Amino acid sequence: MRRAPRAACAAGVILWIVCGALLAACAPTPPDAEGPVRATRAFVIALETRDASAMIALLEPTDWRGEIGPELRSSLALIEALDLRNEAYAVQEQRGNTAVVRLTATMAYTLAEGRGSGERPIDLRIETVRVDGQWYLRGLELPRPEG
């Protein structure tokens, strides 16, 4: 008779472990505020160093990523130097596997072949997406003029 209570107790423990594992597997993915910011920062570093391959690798893995490569490389050739200063990154919203990162900074630039240089504030909303646990950039929204 002593085996029956132990067996029932062991079965109860096993049932709790199985239920806990199932609940953990079905739970929604927790928010990841650092991942979208890390991806955005990595993209900015690649932009500042004009590393087109690194920039492309940080874009959402779709057919579009392969198509944008030549255009991106051509655009980067027009820039001699680019530097973002006083950068601030903040996740504005996150829903599951998508997040919007706001990037504010001062952008200093020099165009190739002496075509000009300047400095201007930027305020961008960057849409990011998590694919297979990795964050990528999906899109960019420029701020709308007020008034």
Protein backbone atom coordinates (compact mmCIF):
# COMPACT_ATOMS: atom_id res chain seq x y z
CA MET A 1 0.00 0.00 0.00
CA ARG A 2 2.85 2.35 0.47
CA ARG A 3 3.70 2.25 -3.23
CA ALA A 4 0.37 3.70 -4.33
CA PRO A 5 0.78 7.07 -2.53
CA ARG A 6 4.37 7.38 -3.75
CA ALA A 7 3.37 6.51 -7.30
CA ALA A 8 0.53 9.02 -7.17
CA CYS A 9 2.88 11.67 -5.77
CA ALA A 10 5.50 10.95 -8.44
CA ALA A 11 2.83 11.06 -11.15
CA GLY A 12 1.64 14.41 -9.77
CA VAL A 13 5.16 15.83 -9.84
CA ILE A 14 5.68 14.59 -13.40
CA LEU A 15 2.34 16.10 -14.42
CA TRP A 16 3.37 19.50 -12.94
CA ILE A 17 6.72 19.35 -14.74
CA VAL A 18 5.05 18.51 -18.07
CA CYS A 19 2.44 21.27 -17.60
CA GLY A 20 5.15 23.78 -16.70
CA ALA A 21 7.19 22.84 -19.76
CA LEU A 22 4.14 23.15 -22.00
CA LEU A 23 3.24 26.55 -20.56
CA ALA A 24 6.80 27.77 -21.02
CA ALA A 25 6.84 26.58 -24.63
CA CYS A 26 3.51 28.29 -25.38
CA ALA A 27 4.31 31.54 -23.61
CA PRO A 28 4.71 34.61 -25.82
CA THR A 29 8.24 35.69 -26.61
CA PRO A 30 9.29 38.24 -23.99
CA PRO A 31 10.04 41.77 -25.16
CA ASP A 32 13.65 42.33 -26.17
CA ALA A 33 14.43 46.06 -25.98
CA GLU A 34 18.15 45.53 -26.45
CA GLY A 35 17.98 43.50 -29.68
CA PRO A 36 16.33 46.19 -31.84
CA VAL A 37 18.68 48.87 -30.47
CA ARG A 38 21.75 46.64 -31.06
CA ALA A 39 20.70 46.05 -34.68
CA THR A 40 20.13 49.77 -35.22
CA ARG A 41 23.49 50.69 -33.66
CA ALA A 42 25.27 48.09 -35.79
CA PHE A 43 23.63 49.57 -38.89
CA VAL A 44 24.76 53.08 -37.92
CA ILE A 45 28.34 51.84 -37.43
CA ALA A 46 28.22 50.16 -40.85
CA LEU A 47 26.83 53.37 -42.35
CA GLU A 48 29.54 55.52 -40.76
CA THR A 49 32.25 53.19 -42.08
CA ARG A 50 30.41 52.93 -45.40
CA ASP A 51 30.44 49.13 -45.18
CA ALA A 52 27.70 48.17 -47.64
CA SER A 53 28.06 44.43 -46.98
CA ALA A 54 27.54 44.91 -43.23
CA MET A 55 24.56 47.18 -43.89
CA ILE A 56 22.95 44.65 -46.23
CA ALA A 57 23.50 41.85 -43.72
CA LEU A 58 21.52 43.88 -41.16
CA LEU A 59 18.48 44.25 -43.44
CA GLU A 60 15.53 41.90 -43.11
CA PRO A 61 16.35 38.69 -45.00
CA THR A 62 13.98 39.00 -47.96
CA ASP A 63 14.44 39.12 -51.73
CA TRP A 64 14.55 42.90 -51.44
CA ARG A 65 17.79 42.68 -49.46
CA GLY A 66 19.57 41.18 -52.45
CA GLU A 67 18.07 43.70 -54.85
CA ILE A 68 19.08 46.80 -52.86
CA GLY A 69 22.80 45.94 -52.80
CA PRO A 70 23.95 47.65 -56.03
CA GLU A 71 21.92 50.79 -55.33
CA LEU A 72 23.21 51.02 -51.77
CA ARG A 73 26.81 50.65 -52.91
CA SER A 74 26.33 53.41 -55.51
CA SER A 75 24.80 55.74 -52.91
CA LEU A 76 27.63 55.13 -50.45
CA ALA A 77 30.17 56.07 -53.13
CA LEU A 78 28.72 59.59 -53.07
CA ILE A 79 29.66 60.02 -49.39
CA GLU A 80 33.23 60.70 -48.34
CA ALA A 81 32.58 60.83 -44.60
CA LEU A 82 29.61 60.42 -42.29
CA ASP A 83 29.48 60.72 -38.52
CA LEU A 84 26.51 60.61 -36.15
CA ARG A 85 27.07 62.50 -32.91
CA ASN A 86 25.09 62.60 -29.68
CA GLU A 87 23.13 59.54 -30.70
CA ALA A 88 20.13 58.49 -28.63
CA TYR A 89 18.32 55.21 -29.23
CA ALA A 90 14.98 54.25 -27.70
CA VAL A 91 12.47 51.50 -28.43
CA GLN A 92 9.21 53.38 -28.97
CA GLU A 93 6.98 50.36 -29.38
CA GLN A 94 7.34 46.61 -29.56
CA ARG A 95 4.79 44.04 -30.63
CA GLY A 96 6.04 40.47 -30.63
CA ASN A 97 8.72 40.19 -33.27
CA THR A 98 8.59 43.80 -34.46
CA ALA A 99 9.83 46.94 -32.78
CA VAL A 100 10.28 50.59 -33.68
CA VAL A 101 13.51 52.28 -32.60
CA ARG A 102 13.74 56.06 -32.49
CA LEU A 103 17.17 57.42 -33.36
CA THR A 104 18.01 61.04 -32.74
CA ALA A 105 21.46 62.45 -33.47
CA THR A 106 23.43 65.14 -35.20
CA MET A 107 24.69 63.97 -38.58
CA ALA A 108 27.92 65.44 -39.94
CA TYR A 109 28.69 64.56 -43.54
CA THR A 110 31.10 65.27 -46.36
CA LEU A 111 30.10 64.43 -49.90
CA ALA A 112 32.57 62.89 -52.35
CA GLU A 113 34.48 65.00 -54.85
CA GLY A 114 34.14 68.16 -52.77
CA ARG A 115 30.40 68.45 -53.44
CA GLY A 116 29.76 69.84 -50.01
CA SER A 117 29.54 69.11 -46.33
CA GLY A 118 27.29 69.96 -43.47
CA GLU A 119 25.73 69.07 -40.19
CA ARG A 120 22.06 68.57 -39.38
CA PRO A 121 19.88 67.02 -36.70
CA ILE A 122 18.13 63.77 -37.53
CA ASP A 123 15.10 62.15 -35.93
CA LEU A 124 14.29 58.73 -37.40
CA ARG A 125 11.87 55.90 -36.65
CA ILE A 126 13.42 52.60 -37.66
CA GLU A 127 11.25 49.50 -37.92
CA THR A 128 13.02 46.30 -36.89
CA VAL A 129 11.94 42.68 -37.08
CA ARG A 130 13.12 39.53 -35.30
CA VAL A 131 13.68 36.55 -37.61
CA ASP A 132 14.87 33.28 -36.07
CA GLY A 133 15.99 35.11 -32.93
CA GLN A 134 18.02 37.77 -34.80
CA TRP A 135 16.95 41.42 -35.17
CA TYR A 136 17.08 43.12 -38.58
CA LEU A 137 16.09 46.49 -40.00
CA ARG A 138 12.87 46.42 -42.02
CA GLY A 139 12.13 50.05 -42.78
CA LEU A 140 12.74 53.69 -42.03
CA GLU A 141 10.23 56.43 -41.40
CA LEU A 142 11.29 60.04 -41.60
CA PRO A 143 9.55 62.44 -39.23
CA ARG A 144 6.63 64.39 -40.65
CA PRO A 145 6.96 68.16 -40.72
CA GLU A 146 4.87 69.87 -38.11
CA GLY A 147 2.40 72.57 -39.04
